[in-house]
Every structure is written in C-alpha cells, then in structure tokens.
Amino acid sequence: MAKIKIYSTPTCPYCVTLKEFLKERDIAFEDANVAQDAQAREEMIHKSGQMGVPVIDIDGEIIIGFDREKISKILKI
C-alpha cells in the first residue's frame, strides 16, 4: 500500500474533499495540519515549493492541489 501524507489546513475545502475521497475508498493517509504544525509546514514548502494546500505526498511523488485524476492514476483506483 502506498504511503500517503496530506499537508492541509482545517479550513481548506479542497483538503476536506481530498480526505473524504480517500476515506470513501478505505485508503489510509497521514494528515499534517500545516496551520498548527510549523515543522510540517516547512516540510511541505521544502517538498513542493508551495505554500498553498493541499499538497499530497504519495510515496515521494508530490501532487499540488486535489487532482483527482492524477491521484487515482498513481493509486490505481
């Protein structure tokens, strides 16, 4: 199973939709709240060069934003 980490904030509607998308498919993920966790925020910026959320790390492949098609392709769902 792929290791998935989502960098998100609680107020981001795309983050909520992304997490619901994965939960509906019983796909486990780690959620890093970058609004509260400065270390996670720095990690996200270092990996993606972005300050916007969501940023998704799937086995080291970085996806910026909720790109349903790209996520589905990587996860083969």
Protein backbone atom coordinates (compact mmCIF):
# COMPACT_ATOMS: atom_id res chain seq x y z
CA MET A 1 0.00 0.00 0.00
CA ALA A 2 1.21 3.50 -0.83
CA LYS A 3 2.41 5.80 1.93
CA ILE A 4 0.32 8.97 1.71
CA LYS A 5 0.83 12.22 3.58
CA ILE A 6 -1.54 15.14 3.13
CA TYR A 7 -0.46 18.63 4.09
CA SER A 8 -3.65 20.52 4.83
CA THR A 9 -5.50 23.07 6.93
CA PRO A 10 -8.86 22.58 8.64
CA THR A 11 -10.47 25.46 6.73
CA CYS A 12 -9.45 24.32 3.23
CA PRO A 13 -12.46 22.89 1.35
CA TYR A 14 -10.22 21.07 -1.16
CA CYS A 15 -8.38 19.41 1.75
CA VAL A 16 -11.67 18.20 3.24
CA THR A 17 -12.81 16.87 -0.15
CA LEU A 18 -9.49 15.10 -0.72
CA LYS A 19 -9.61 13.38 2.68
CA GLU A 20 -13.24 12.32 2.09
CA PHE A 21 -12.25 10.95 -1.34
CA LEU A 22 -9.56 8.76 0.25
CA LYS A 23 -11.69 7.70 3.24
CA GLU A 24 -14.53 6.60 0.93
CA ARG A 25 -12.04 4.24 -0.73
CA ASP A 26 -10.57 2.99 2.58
CA ILE A 27 -7.17 4.45 1.72
CA ALA A 28 -5.07 5.24 4.78
CA PHE A 29 -3.19 8.53 4.97
CA GLU A 30 -1.33 10.74 7.40
CA ASP A 31 -2.76 14.23 7.82
CA ALA A 32 -0.38 17.08 8.65
CA ASN A 33 -2.14 20.28 9.73
CA VAL A 34 0.23 22.97 8.47
CA ALA A 35 -1.82 25.70 10.16
CA GLN A 36 -0.72 24.38 13.56
CA ASP A 37 2.47 22.40 12.85
CA ALA A 38 5.35 24.66 11.78
CA GLN A 39 7.65 21.70 11.12
CA ALA A 40 5.09 20.11 8.78
CA ARG A 41 4.62 23.48 7.04
CA GLU A 42 8.39 23.78 6.42
CA GLU A 43 8.49 20.17 5.19
CA MET A 44 5.62 20.87 2.77
CA ILE A 45 7.31 24.01 1.40
CA HIS A 46 10.62 22.17 1.02
CA LYS A 47 8.99 19.25 -0.85
CA SER A 48 6.66 21.25 -3.08
CA GLY A 49 7.90 24.83 -3.24
CA GLN A 50 4.29 25.78 -2.46
CA MET A 51 2.57 27.46 0.45
CA GLY A 52 -0.95 26.55 -0.68
CA VAL A 53 -2.78 23.42 0.38
CA PRO A 54 -3.48 20.63 -0.14
CA VAL A 55 -0.13 19.13 -1.01
CA ILE A 56 -0.14 15.34 -1.26
CA ASP A 57 2.95 13.14 -0.98
CA ILE A 58 2.31 9.65 -2.37
CA ASP A 59 5.45 7.54 -1.96
CA GLY A 60 7.59 10.62 -2.65
CA GLU A 61 5.54 11.86 -5.62
CA ILE A 62 4.23 15.35 -4.89
CA ILE A 63 0.80 16.47 -6.10
CA ILE A 64 -0.27 20.06 -5.59
CA GLY A 65 -3.98 20.56 -5.14
CA PHE A 66 -6.76 17.98 -5.29
CA ASP A 67 -6.04 16.45 -8.70
CA ARG A 68 -8.50 13.54 -8.57
CA GLU A 69 -7.34 12.10 -11.91
CA LYS A 70 -3.63 12.12 -11.06
CA ILE A 71 -4.24 10.72 -7.56
CA SER A 72 -6.43 7.95 -8.96
CA LYS A 73 -3.80 7.07 -11.56
CA ILE A 74 -0.97 6.90 -9.02
CA LEU A 75 -3.06 4.82 -6.59
CA LYS A 76 -4.52 2.70 -9.42
CA ILE A 77 -8.11 3.27 -8.29
